[in-house]
Structure formats: structure tokens, C-alpha cells
PDB file of N, CA and C in Angstrom:
ATOM      1  N   MET A   1     111.029 122.076  92.016  1.00  0.00           N
ATOM      2  CA  MET A   1     112.062 122.015  91.463  1.00  0.00           C
ATOM      3  C   MET A   1     111.592 120.995  91.540  1.00  0.00           C
ATOM      4  N   LYS A   2     111.838 120.353  89.747  1.00  0.00           N
ATOM      5  CA  LYS A   2     111.103 119.431  88.967  1.00  0.00           C
ATOM      6  C   LYS A   2     112.139 117.743  88.805  1.00  0.00           C
ATOM      7  N   THR A   3     111.855 116.459  89.568  1.00  0.00           N
ATOM      8  CA  THR A   3     112.451 115.875  89.979  1.00  0.00           C
ATOM      9  C   THR A   3     111.822 114.756  88.575  1.00  0.00           C
ATOM     10  N   GLU A   4     113.749 113.751  88.119  1.00  0.00           N
ATOM     11  CA  GLU A   4     113.419 113.106  86.974  1.00  0.00           C
ATOM     12  C   GLU A   4     113.632 111.427  87.354  1.00  0.00           C
ATOM     13  N   PHE A   5     112.716 111.029  87.430  1.00  0.00           N
ATOM     14  CA  PHE A   5     112.943 109.333  87.202  1.00  0.00           C
ATOM     15  C   PHE A   5     112.520 108.458  86.356  1.00  0.00           C
ATOM     16  N   ARG A   6     113.037 109.192  85.022  1.00  0.00           N
ATOM     17  CA  ARG A   6     113.269 108.567  84.331  1.00  0.00           C
ATOM     18  C   ARG A   6     114.885 107.740  84.071  1.00  0.00           C
ATOM     19  N   ASN A   7     115.039 106.962  83.573  1.00  0.00           N
ATOM     20  CA  ASN A   7     116.094 106.448  84.236  1.00  0.00           C
ATOM     21  C   ASN A   7     116.846 105.938  82.452  1.00  0.00           C
ATOM     22  N   THR A   8     115.920 106.421  82.098  1.00  0.00           N
ATOM     23  CA  THR A   8     117.081 106.489  80.562  1.00  0.00           C
ATOM     24  C   THR A   8     117.482 108.159  80.635  1.00  0.00           C
ATOM     25  N   ILE A   9     118.243 108.426  79.552  1.00  0.00           N
ATOM     26  CA  ILE A   9     118.362 109.869  78.602  1.00  0.00           C
ATOM     27  C   ILE A   9     117.125 109.755  78.256  1.00  0.00           C
ATOM     28  N   ARG A  10     116.966 110.660  78.279  1.00  0.00           N
ATOM     29  CA  ARG A  10     115.746 112.043  76.412  1.00  0.00           C
ATOM     30  C   ARG A  10     116.505 112.282  75.431  1.00  0.00           C
ATOM     31  N   ARG A  11     114.589 112.608  75.047  1.00  0.00           N
ATOM     32  CA  ARG A  11     116.647 114.057  74.260  1.00  0.00           C
ATOM     33  C   ARG A  11     115.782 114.492  73.210  1.00  0.00           C
ATOM     34  N   ARG A  12     115.172 115.853  72.866  1.00  0.00           N
ATOM     35  CA  ARG A  12     114.600 116.483  72.656  1.00  0.00           C
ATOM     36  C   ARG A  12     114.268 115.820  70.920  1.00  0.00           C
ATOM     37  N   THR A  13     112.965 116.668  70.907  1.00  0.00           N
ATOM     38  CA  THR A  13     113.255 116.306  68.670  1.00  0.00           C
ATOM     39  C   THR A  13     113.009 117.744  68.477  1.00  0.00           C
ATOM     40  N   ASP A  14     112.850 118.221  67.000  1.00  0.00           N
ATOM     41  CA  ASP A  14     112.529 118.985  66.544  1.00  0.00           C
ATOM     42  C   ASP A  14     110.967 119.278  65.754  1.00  0.00           C
ATOM     43  N   GLY A  15     110.217 118.160  66.950  1.00  0.00           N
ATOM     44  CA  GLY A  15     108.432 118.845  66.718  1.00  0.00           C
ATOM     45  C   GLY A  15     107.998 118.436  64.926  1.00  0.00           C
ATOM     46  N   SER A  16     109.065 117.903  64.057  1.00  0.00           N
ATOM     47  CA  SER A  16     108.780 117.222  62.431  1.00  0.00           C
ATOM     48  C   SER A  16     108.142 116.323  62.532  1.00  0.00           C
ATOM     49  N   ALA A  17     108.295 115.340  63.341  1.00  0.00           N
ATOM     50  CA  ALA A  17     107.908 114.127  62.604  1.00  0.00           C
ATOM     51  C   ALA A  17     106.599 113.711  63.277  1.00  0.00           C
ATOM     52  N   ASP A  18     106.285 112.641  62.252  1.00  0.00           N
ATOM     53  CA  ASP A  18     104.646 112.419  62.955  1.00  0.00           C
ATOM     54  C   ASP A  18     104.843 111.441  63.738  1.00  0.00           C
ATOM     55  N   VAL A  19     103.770 111.196  64.287  1.00  0.00           N
ATOM     56  CA  VAL A  19     103.309 110.104  64.639  1.00  0.00           C
ATOM     57  C   VAL A  19     101.832 109.237  64.120  1.00  0.00           C
ATOM     58  N   ILE A  20     101.858 107.991  64.091  1.00  0.00           N
ATOM     59  CA  ILE A  20     100.683 107.804  63.210  1.00  0.00           C
ATOM     60  C   ILE A  20     100.844 105.957  63.807  1.00  0.00           C
ATOM     61  N   ASP A  21      98.917 106.470  63.657  1.00  0.00           N
ATOM     62  CA  ASP A  21      98.258 104.914  64.014  1.00  0.00           C
ATOM     63  C   ASP A  21      98.601 103.572  63.151  1.00  0.00           C
ATOM     64  N   CYS A  22      99.383 102.880  63.826  1.00  0.00           N
ATOM     65  CA  CYS A  22      99.615 101.577  62.928  1.00  0.00           C
ATOM     66  C   CYS A  22      97.670 101.107  62.679  1.00  0.00           C
ATOM     67  N   MET A  23      97.293 101.099  62.821  1.00  0.00           N
ATOM     68  CA  MET A  23      95.645 100.296  62.389  1.00  0.00           C
ATOM     69  C   MET A  23      94.630 100.693  62.306  1.00  0.00           C
ATOM     70  N   THR A  24      94.978 102.463  61.939  1.00  0.00           N
ATOM     71  CA  THR A  24      93.519 103.415  61.373  1.00  0.00           C
ATOM     72  C   THR A  24      95.016 103.904  60.213  1.00  0.00           C
ATOM     73  N   GLU A  25      96.148 103.964  59.940  1.00  0.00           N
ATOM     74  CA  GLU A  25      96.745 105.160  60.095  1.00  0.00           C
ATOM     75  C   GLU A  25      96.399 106.312  59.766  1.00  0.00           C
ATOM     76  N   ALA A  26      96.061 106.807  61.031  1.00  0.00           N
ATOM     77  CA  ALA A  26      94.682 108.497  61.453  1.00  0.00           C
ATOM     78  C   ALA A  26      96.122 108.788  61.982  1.00  0.00           C
ATOM     79  N   PHE A  27      96.812 110.172  62.018  1.00  0.00           N
ATOM     80  CA  PHE A  27      97.687 111.196  61.751  1.00  0.00           C
ATOM     81  C   PHE A  27      97.359 111.524  63.926  1.00  0.00           C
ATOM     82  N   VAL A  28      98.677 110.961  64.456  1.00  0.00           N
ATOM     83  CA  VAL A  28      98.133 111.117  66.148  1.00  0.00           C
ATOM     84  C   VAL A  28      98.631 111.855  66.825  1.00  0.00           C
ATOM     85  N   GLY A  29     100.065 112.305  66.036  1.00  0.00           N
ATOM     86  CA  GLY A  29     100.351 113.931  66.824  1.00  0.00           C
ATOM     87  C   GLY A  29     102.266 114.166  66.211  1.00  0.00           C
ATOM     88  N   LYS A  30     102.155 114.682  66.885  1.00  0.00           N
ATOM     89  CA  LYS A  30     104.175 114.876  66.627  1.00  0.00           C
ATOM     90  C   LYS A  30     105.052 114.663  67.635  1.00  0.00           C
ATOM     91  N   LEU A  31     106.226 113.847  67.180  1.00  0.00           N
ATOM     92  CA  LEU A  31     106.810 113.336  68.197  1.00  0.00           C
ATOM     93  C   LEU A  31     108.070 114.472  69.063  1.00  0.00           C
ATOM     94  N   LEU A  32     108.140 114.787  70.731  1.00  0.00           N
ATOM     95  CA  LEU A  32     108.403 116.529  70.874  1.00  0.00           C
ATOM     96  C   LEU A  32     109.633 115.460  71.860  1.00  0.00           C
ATOM     97  N   ASP A  33     109.859 114.210  72.277  1.00  0.00           N
ATOM     98  CA  ASP A  33     110.914 113.899  73.142  1.00  0.00           C
ATOM     99  C   ASP A  33     110.891 112.584  72.739  1.00  0.00           C
ATOM    100  N   ILE A  34     112.150 111.818  72.986  1.00  0.00           N
ATOM    101  CA  ILE A  34     112.675 109.910  73.384  1.00  0.00           C
ATOM    102  C   ILE A  34     112.996 110.059  74.186  1.00  0.00           C
ATOM    103  N   SER A  35     113.335 108.621  74.984  1.00  0.00           N
ATOM    104  CA  SER A  35     114.367 107.992  74.718  1.00  0.00           C
ATOM    105  C   SER A  35     114.120 106.729  74.905  1.00  0.00           C
ATOM    106  N   ALA A  36     114.913 105.758  75.705  1.00  0.00           N
ATOM    107  CA  ALA A  36     114.638 103.715  75.164  1.00  0.00           C
ATOM    108  C   ALA A  36     113.528 103.760  75.711  1.00  0.00           C
ATOM    109  N   SER A  37     112.784 104.844  76.809  1.00  0.00           N
ATOM    110  CA  SER A  37     112.524 103.848  77.175  1.00  0.00           C
ATOM    111  C   SER A  37     110.341 103.932  76.504  1.00  0.00           C
ATOM    112  N   GLY A  38     110.478 105.278  75.882  1.00  0.00           N
ATOM    113  CA  GLY A  38     109.365 105.609  75.633  1.00  0.00           C
ATOM    114  C   GLY A  38     109.946 107.924  74.664  1.00  0.00           C
ATOM    115  N   LEU A  39     108.359 107.783  74.901  1.00  0.00           N
ATOM    116  CA  LEU A  39     107.973 109.375  74.260  1.00  0.00           C
ATOM    117  C   LEU A  39     107.195 109.662  74.764  1.00  0.00           C
ATOM    118  N   ARG A  40     107.452 111.357  74.685  1.00  0.00           N
ATOM    119  CA  ARG A  40     105.742 112.282  74.731  1.00  0.00           C
ATOM    120  C   ARG A  40     105.890 112.454  72.871  1.00  0.00           C
ATOM    121  N   ILE A  41     104.082 113.189  72.920  1.00  0.00           N
ATOM    122  CA  ILE A  41     104.118 113.847  71.249  1.00  0.00           C
ATOM    123  C   ILE A  41     102.918 114.476  71.941  1.00  0.00           C
ATOM    124  N   ALA A  42     102.471 114.987  70.930  1.00  0.00           N
ATOM    125  CA  ALA A  42     102.034 116.658  70.921  1.00  0.00           C
ATOM    126  C   ALA A  42     100.124 116.306  70.231  1.00  0.00           C
ATOM    127  N   SER A  43      98.865 117.007  70.486  1.00  0.00           N
ATOM    128  CA  SER A  43      98.448 115.467  69.570  1.00  0.00           C
ATOM    129  C   SER A  43      97.306 117.036  70.266  1.00  0.00           C
ATOM    130  N   ALA A  44      96.359 116.777  68.677  1.00  0.00           N
ATOM    131  CA  ALA A  44      95.113 117.518  68.798  1.00  0.00           C
ATOM    132  C   ALA A  44      93.478 116.703  70.640  1.00  0.00           C
ATOM    133  N   SER A  45      94.094 116.000  70.528  1.00  0.00           N
ATOM    134  CA  SER A  45      92.840 115.466  71.062  1.00  0.00           C
ATOM    135  C   SER A  45      93.888 114.549  72.607  1.00  0.00           C
ATOM    136  N   PRO A  46      92.983 113.778  73.529  1.00  0.00           N
ATOM    137  CA  PRO A  46      93.167 113.308  75.167  1.00  0.00           C
ATOM    138  C   PRO A  46      92.849 112.576  74.478  1.00  0.00           C
ATOM    139  N   PHE A  47      94.341 111.267  75.330  1.00  0.00           N
ATOM    140  CA  PHE A  47      94.379 109.707  75.630  1.00  0.00           C
ATOM    141  C   PHE A  47      93.787 110.117  77.433  1.00  0.00           C
ATOM    142  N   GLY A  48      93.106 108.234  76.754  1.00  0.00           N
ATOM    143  CA  GLY A  48      93.016 107.459  78.224  1.00  0.00           C
ATOM    144  C   GLY A  48      94.217 106.920  78.793  1.00  0.00           C
ATOM    145  N   ILE A  49      94.613 107.406  79.732  1.00  0.00           N
ATOM    146  CA  ILE A  49      95.525 106.617  80.714  1.00  0.00           C
ATOM    147  C   ILE A  49      96.404 105.220  80.153  1.00  0.00           C
ATOM    148  N   GLU A  50      96.652 104.647  80.301  1.00  0.00           N
ATOM    149  CA  GLU A  50      96.671 102.378  80.139  1.00  0.00           C
ATOM    150  C   GLU A  50      96.267 102.067  78.627  1.00  0.00           C
ATOM    151  N   ALA A  51      95.701 103.376  78.128  1.00  0.00           N
ATOM    152  CA  ALA A  51      95.408 103.202  76.589  1.00  0.00           C
ATOM    153  C   ALA A  51      96.436 102.722  76.017  1.00  0.00           C
ATOM    154  N   LEU A  52      96.289 101.617  75.072  1.00  0.00           N
ATOM    155  CA  LEU A  52      98.045 100.790  74.227  1.00  0.00           C
ATOM    156  C   LEU A  52      97.239 100.583  72.848  1.00  0.00           C
ATOM    157  N   PHE A  53      98.583 101.563  72.357  1.00  0.00           N
ATOM    158  CA  PHE A  53      98.650 101.642  70.177  1.00  0.00           C
ATOM    159  C   PHE A  53      99.400 101.087  69.824  1.00  0.00           C
ATOM    160  N   GLN A  54      99.291 100.727  68.999  1.00  0.00           N
ATOM    161  CA  GLN A  54     101.184 100.472  67.905  1.00  0.00           C
ATOM    162  C   GLN A  54     100.786 101.733  67.726  1.00  0.00           C
ATOM    163  N   TRP A  55     101.517 102.893  67.255  1.00  0.00           N
ATOM    164  CA  TRP A  55     102.422 103.571  66.295  1.00  0.00           C
ATOM    165  C   TRP A  55     103.478 103.599  65.471  1.00  0.00           C
ATOM    166  N   GLN A  56     103.574 104.317  65.110  1.00  0.00           N
ATOM    167  CA  GLN A  56     104.932 104.601  63.751  1.00  0.00           C
ATOM    168  C   GLN A  56     105.283 106.137  63.391  1.00  0.00           C
ATOM    169  N   PHE A  57     105.969 106.800  63.888  1.00  0.00           N
ATOM    170  CA  PHE A  57     106.749 107.226  63.115  1.00  0.00           C
ATOM    171  C   PHE A  57     108.572 107.427  62.663  1.00  0.00           C
ATOM    172  N   PRO A  58     108.908 108.034  62.255  1.00  0.00           N
ATOM    173  CA  PRO A  58     110.813 108.045  62.081  1.00  0.00           C
ATOM    174  C   PRO A  58     111.684 108.304  62.611  1.00  0.00           C
ATOM    175  N   LEU A  59     112.233 107.096  62.837  1.00  0.00           N
ATOM    176  CA  LEU A  59     113.315 107.229  63.892  1.00  0.00           C
ATOM    177  C   LEU A  59     113.915 108.505  63.821  1.00  0.00           C
ATOM    178  N   PRO A  60     114.646 109.253  64.941  1.00  0.00           N
ATOM    179  CA  PRO A  60     114.911 110.695  65.301  1.00  0.00           C
ATOM    180  C   PRO A  60     115.837 111.027  63.988  1.00  0.00           C
ATOM    181  N   ASP A  61     117.156 110.161  64.175  1.00  0.00           N
ATOM    182  CA  ASP A  61     118.678 110.255  63.644  1.00  0.00           C
ATOM    183  C   ASP A  61     118.573 109.813  62.188  1.00  0.00           C
ATOM    184  N   THR A  62     117.164 109.369  61.250  1.00  0.00           N
ATOM    185  CA  THR A  62     116.784 109.810  60.218  1.00  0.00           C
ATOM    186  C   THR A  62     115.806 110.654  59.330  1.00  0.00           C
ATOM    187  N   LEU A  63     115.698 111.656  60.322  1.00  0.00           N
ATOM    188  CA  LEU A  63     114.204 112.867  60.158  1.00  0.00           C
ATOM    189  C   LEU A  63     114.848 113.344  59.084  1.00  0.00           C
ATOM    190  N   HIS A  64     115.918 113.726  58.541  1.00  0.00           N
ATOM    191  CA  HIS A  64     116.563 115.574  57.907  1.00  0.00           C
ATOM    192  C   HIS A  64     116.994 113.999  56.910  1.00  0.00           C
ATOM    193  N   THR A  65     116.812 113.002  56.391  1.00  0.00           N
ATOM    194  CA  THR A  65     117.591 112.067  55.147  1.00  0.00           C
ATOM    195  C   THR A  65     116.220 112.174  54.080  1.00  0.00           C
ATOM    196  N   ASP A  66     116.964 111.942  53.055  1.00  0.00           N
ATOM    197  CA  ASP A  66     116.252 111.154  52.604  1.00  0.00           C
ATOM    198  C   ASP A  66     115.195 110.392  52.199  1.00  0.00           C
ATOM    199  N   THR A  67     115.575 109.385  52.966  1.00  0.00           N
ATOM    200  CA  THR A  67     114.654 108.182  53.313  1.00  0.00           C
ATOM    201  C   THR A  67     114.498 107.892  54.487  1.00  0.00           C
ATOM    202  N   PRO A  68     113.568 108.517  55.702  1.00  0.00           N
ATOM    203  CA  PRO A  68     113.958 107.982  56.961  1.00  0.00           C
ATOM    204  C   PRO A  68     113.544 106.987  56.771  1.00  0.00           C
ATOM    205  N   LYS A  69     113.794 106.014  58.291  1.00  0.00           N
ATOM    206  CA  LYS A  69     113.567 104.566  58.265  1.00  0.00           C
ATOM    207  C   LYS A  69     112.487 104.740  59.770  1.00  0.00           C
ATOM    208  N   THR A  70     111.535 104.524  59.156  1.00  0.00           N
ATOM    209  CA  THR A  70     109.578 104.309  60.048  1.00  0.00           C
ATOM    210  C   THR A  70     110.112 103.468  60.846  1.00  0.00           C
ATOM    211  N   ILE A  71     109.184 103.616  62.208  1.00  0.00           N
ATOM    212  CA  ILE A  71     109.604 102.847  63.279  1.00  0.00           C
ATOM    213  C   ILE A  71     108.226 102.102  63.382  1.00  0.00           C
ATOM    214  N   GLU A  72     108.073 101.360  63.845  1.00  0.00           N
ATOM    215  CA  GLU A  72     105.864 100.063  64.620  1.00  0.00           C
ATOM    216  C   GLU A  72     106.791  99.608  65.468  1.00  0.00           C
ATOM    217  N   CYS A  73     106.045 100.518  66.294  1.00  0.00           N
ATOM    218  CA  CYS A  73     105.947 100.320  68.485  1.00  0.00           C
ATOM    219  C   CYS A  73     104.693 100.156  69.066  1.00  0.00           C
ATOM    220  N   GLY A  74     104.561  99.265  70.297  1.00  0.00           N
ATOM    221  CA  GLY A  74     103.729  99.034  70.851  1.00  0.00           C
ATOM    222  C   GLY A  74     103.465 100.434  71.535  1.00  0.00           C
ATOM    223  N   VAL A  75     102.879 100.798  72.327  1.00  0.00           N
ATOM    224  CA  VAL A  75     103.396 102.199  73.457  1.00  0.00           C
ATOM    225  C   VAL A  75     102.059 101.648  74.416  1.00  0.00           C
ATOM    226  N   GLN A  76     102.219 102.223  75.893  1.00  0.00           N
ATOM    227  CA  GLN A  76     101.864 102.404  76.494  1.00  0.00           C
ATOM    228  C   GLN A  76     101.431 103.435  77.680  1.00  0.00           C
ATOM    229  N   VAL A  77     100.068 104.156  76.937  1.00  0.00           N
ATOM    230  CA  VAL A  77      99.927 105.905  77.565  1.00  0.00           C
ATOM    231  C   VAL A  77     100.005 106.015  79.004  1.00  0.00           C
ATOM    232  N   ILE A  78     101.334 107.012  79.554  1.00  0.00           N
ATOM    233  CA  ILE A  78     101.255 106.971  80.731  1.00  0.00           C
ATOM    234  C   ILE A  78     100.554 107.956  81.524  1.00  0.00           C
ATOM    235  N   TRP A  79     100.284 109.146  80.422  1.00  0.00           N
ATOM    236  CA  TRP A  79     100.271 110.533  81.479  1.00  0.00           C
ATOM    237  C   TRP A  79      99.292 111.393  80.075  1.00  0.00           C
ATOM    238  N   SER A  80      98.452 112.256  80.762  1.00  0.00           N
ATOM    239  CA  SER A  80      98.185 112.928  79.481  1.00  0.00           C
ATOM    240  C   SER A  80      97.771 114.287  80.372  1.00  0.00           C
ATOM    241  N   ARG A  81      97.863 115.762  79.165  1.00  0.00           N
ATOM    242  CA  ARG A  81      97.190 116.777  80.349  1.00  0.00           C
ATOM    243  C   ARG A  81      96.970 117.682  79.281  1.00  0.00           C
ATOM    244  N   ALA A  82      96.271 118.342  78.391  1.00  0.00           N
ATOM    245  CA  ALA A  82      96.197 119.821  78.228  1.00  0.00           C
ATOM    246  C   ALA A  82      97.281 121.223  78.944  1.00  0.00           C
ATOM    247  N   ASP A  83      97.850 121.470  77.815  1.00  0.00           N
ATOM    248  CA  ASP A  83      99.138 122.451  77.728  1.00  0.00           C
ATOM    249  C   ASP A  83      98.081 124.236  77.137  1.00  0.00           C
ATOM    250  N   PRO A  84      99.082 125.468  77.155  1.00  0.00           N
ATOM    251  CA  PRO A  84      97.092 126.055  77.213  1.00  0.00           C
ATOM    252  C   PRO A  84      97.849 126.750  75.885  1.00  0.00           C
ATOM    253  N   SER A  85      97.719 126.160  75.254  1.00  0.00           N
ATOM    254  CA  SER A  85      97.642 125.989  74.334  1.00  0.00           C
ATOM    255  C   SER A  85      96.240 125.372  73.297  1.00  0.00           C
ATOM    256  N   GLY A  86      95.360 124.676  74.494  1.00  0.00           N
ATOM    257  CA  GLY A  86      94.878 123.788  73.741  1.00  0.00           C
ATOM    258  C   GLY A  86      95.364 122.447  73.202  1.00  0.00           C
ATOM    259  N   ARG A  87      96.812 122.352  73.274  1.00  0.00           N
ATOM    260  CA  ARG A  87      97.008 120.515  72.285  1.00  0.00           C
ATOM    261  C   ARG A  87      97.151 120.048  73.651  1.00  0.00           C
ATOM    262  N   HIS A  88      96.842 118.630  74.184  1.00  0.00           N
ATOM    263  CA  HIS A  88      97.263 116.923  74.870  1.00  0.00           C
ATOM    264  C   HIS A  88      98.626 116.717  74.813  1.00  0.00           C
ATOM    265  N   ILE A  89      99.179 116.777  74.997  1.00  0.00           N
ATOM    266  CA  ILE A  89     101.667 116.680  75.926  1.00  0.00           C
ATOM    267  C   ILE A  89     100.363 115.369  75.946  1.00  0.00           C
ATOM    268  N   ILE A  90     101.510 114.342  75.434  1.00  0.00           N
ATOM    269  CA  ILE A  90     100.538 112.555  76.373  1.00  0.00           C
ATOM    270  C   ILE A  90     102.787 111.390  76.421  1.00  0.00           C
ATOM    271  N   GLY A  91     101.946 111.649  77.809  1.00  0.00           N
ATOM    272  CA  GLY A  91     103.761 110.230  77.368  1.00  0.00           C
ATOM    273  C   GLY A  91     103.024 108.566  77.086  1.00  0.00           C
ATOM    274  N   ALA A  92     104.031 108.321  76.757  1.00  0.00           N
ATOM    275  CA  ALA A  92     104.038 107.171  76.796  1.00  0.00           C
ATOM    276  C   ALA A  92     105.038 106.272  76.631  1.00  0.00           C
ATOM    277  N   ARG A  93     105.274 105.002  76.968  1.00  0.00           N
ATOM    278  CA  ARG A  93     106.109 104.370  77.151  1.00  0.00           C
ATOM    279  C   ARG A  93     105.748 102.879  76.357  1.00  0.00           C
ATOM    280  N   PHE A  94     106.969 102.887  75.879  1.00  0.00           N
ATOM    281  CA  PHE A  94     107.487 101.031  75.306  1.00  0.00           C
ATOM    282  C   PHE A  94     106.813 100.421  75.940  1.00  0.00           C
ATOM    283  N   ILE A  95     105.406  98.791  75.723  1.00  0.00           N
ATOM    284  CA  ILE A  95     106.270  98.119  75.534  1.00  0.00           C
ATOM    285  C   ILE A  95     106.449  97.123  74.144  1.00  0.00           C
ATOM    286  N   GLN A  96     106.740  97.411  73.560  1.00  0.00           N
ATOM    287  CA  GLN A  96     107.221  96.656  71.726  1.00  0.00           C
ATOM    288  C   GLN A  96     107.727  97.354  70.876  1.00  0.00           C
ATOM    289  N   ILE A  97     108.670  96.921  71.649  1.00  0.00           N
ATOM    290  CA  ILE A  97     110.032  97.518  70.033  1.00  0.00           C
ATOM    291  C   ILE A  97     111.316  96.551  70.336  1.00  0.00           C
ATOM    292  N   ALA A  98     111.394  96.846  68.877  1.00  0.00           N
ATOM    293  CA  ALA A  98     112.780  95.712  68.398  1.00  0.00           C
ATOM    294  C   ALA A  98     114.228  96.653  69.585  1.00  0.00           C
ATOM    295  N   PRO A  99     114.823  95.176  69.949  1.00  0.00           N
ATOM    296  CA  PRO A  99     115.963  95.669  70.914  1.00  0.00           C
ATOM    297  C   PRO A  99     116.861  96.389  69.938  1.00  0.00           C
ATOM    298  N   GLN A 100     117.195  96.248  69.040  1.00  0.00           N
ATOM    299  CA  GLN A 100     118.139  96.452  68.218  1.00  0.00           C
ATOM    300  C   GLN A 100     116.960  98.837  67.396  1.00  0.00           C
ATOM    301  N   THR A 101     116.682  98.423  67.978  1.00  0.00           N
ATOM    302  CA  THR A 101     116.353 100.337  67.765  1.00  0.00           C
ATOM    303  C   THR A 101     115.674 100.493  69.209  1.00  0.00           C
ATOM    304  N   ARG A 102     115.696  99.853  69.624  1.00  0.00           N
ATOM    305  CA  ARG A 102     116.192 100.743  71.376  1.00  0.00           C
ATOM    306  C   ARG A 102     117.722 101.216  71.610  1.00  0.00           C
ATOM    307  N   GLU A 103     118.096 100.160  70.976  1.00  0.00           N
ATOM    308  CA  GLU A 103     119.863 100.895  71.148  1.00  0.00           C
ATOM    309  C   GLU A 103     120.212 101.782  70.315  1.00  0.00           C
ATOM    310  N   ARG A 104     119.433 101.628  68.746  1.00  0.00           N
ATOM    311  CA  ARG A 104     119.596 102.329  68.490  1.00  0.00           C
ATOM    312  C   ARG A 104     119.164 104.203  68.407  1.00  0.00           C
ATOM    313  N   ILE A 105     117.266 104.320  68.924  1.00  0.00           N
ATOM    314  CA  ILE A 105     117.408 104.708  70.339  1.00  0.00           C
ATOM    315  C   ILE A 105     117.999 105.360  71.701  1.00  0.00           C
ATOM    316  N   ARG A 106     118.581 104.585  72.079  1.00  0.00           N
ATOM    317  CA  ARG A 106     119.474 104.860  73.200  1.00  0.00           C
ATOM    318  C   ARG A 106     121.009 105.927  73.096  1.00  0.00           C
ATOM    319  N   HIS A 107     121.546 105.353  71.768  1.00  0.00           N
ATOM    320  CA  HIS A 107     123.193 105.549  70.775  1.00  0.00           C
ATOM    321  C   HIS A 107     122.799 106.914  71.128  1.00  0.00           C
ATOM    322  N   TRP A 108     120.998 107.485  70.000  1.00  0.00           N
ATOM    323  CA  TRP A 108     120.628 108.653  69.675  1.00  0.00           C
ATOM    324  C   TRP A 108     121.150 109.674  70.447  1.00  0.00           C
ATOM    325  N   CYS A 109     120.375 109.064  71.793  1.00  0.00           N
ATOM    326  CA  CYS A 109     120.182 110.189  72.790  1.00  0.00           C
ATOM    327  C   CYS A 109     121.037 111.105  73.962  1.00  0.00           C
ATOM    328  N   ASN A 110     121.667 109.350  73.891  1.00  0.00           N
ATOM    329  CA  ASN A 110     123.667 109.449  74.434  1.00  0.00           C
ATOM    330  C   ASN A 110     124.270 110.307  73.842  1.00  0.00           C
ATOM    331  N   GLN A 111     124.069 110.995  72.333  1.00  0.00           N
ATOM    332  CA  GLN A 111     125.040 111.382  71.815  1.00  0.00           C
ATOM    333  C   GLN A 111     124.559 112.969  72.892  1.00  0.00           C
ATOM    334  N   ALA A 112     123.546 113.846  72.771  1.00  0.00           N
ATOM    335  CA  ALA A 112     123.448 114.701  73.016  1.00  0.00           C
ATOM    336  C   ALA A 112     123.887 114.749  74.637  1.00  0.00           C
ATOM    337  N   THR A 113     124.142 114.230  75.058  1.00  0.00           N
ATOM    338  CA  THR A 113     125.049 114.416  76.877  1.00  0.00           C
ATOM    339  C   THR A 113     126.918 114.708  76.172  1.00  0.00           C
ATOM    340  N   GLN A 114     126.961 113.569  75.223  1.00  0.00           N
ATOM    341  CA  GLN A 114     128.758 113.785  75.432  1.00  0.00           C
ATOM    342  C   GLN A 114     128.931 115.303  74.314  1.00  0.00           C
TER     343      GLN A 114
END
């Protein structure tokens, strides 16, 4: 049985949101799930634990609109592992994100449990 240590509710996304590195403008991976405290992505490359990045991606609640709202956030990689398909699954926590954006993510995640 897997124990959940998260303090915030996470919600899966449909995997269609691209995560982009703000410094290099390179594609990082696909957003798998998100919570008010962090996110999980699928990437073709591994990431070092505790590495810091500035990423951007569309807010999940705007993904299927004509103009998705993109956010920028600072993240720290907490874990990284390869899955059987050869992708790397990366868990990262937010270290810098606008308070109103964090609250919007929290609200979107909580809607899934109602």
C-alpha cells in the first residue's frame, strides 16, 4: 500500500500541457499532475535531485480554452525515476509561485474531490 505524504490535493491532467524551461525555452516534458505545492512531469531526460529550474506551463483550468493562461514558477526537483517505457517521471515542488496562482491551482484541484 502506497502512503500519501502530500499536504495538498493533487489532480491529474490529461498530459497535453507542455512544460518549458524559461531560461532556455526548451521543452522539458509533459505535465502529468499538479497540486498547490508542486507538480509531476514526464520527460525524455533525467533530472538531478534538488536541481532548481524556472518553468512555465498553461494553468490546467485554461488548457482547453482559446487562450490558455501560462504561468511561470520556480521549482526544485524532489525525485526522478525512469518508468518501463523509458520516460523519466519527475516530481518537483514549487519554490516560487504567485500566491494567486497557487490558490487557483488549489481551487482547481479541490473541484475534483467535490
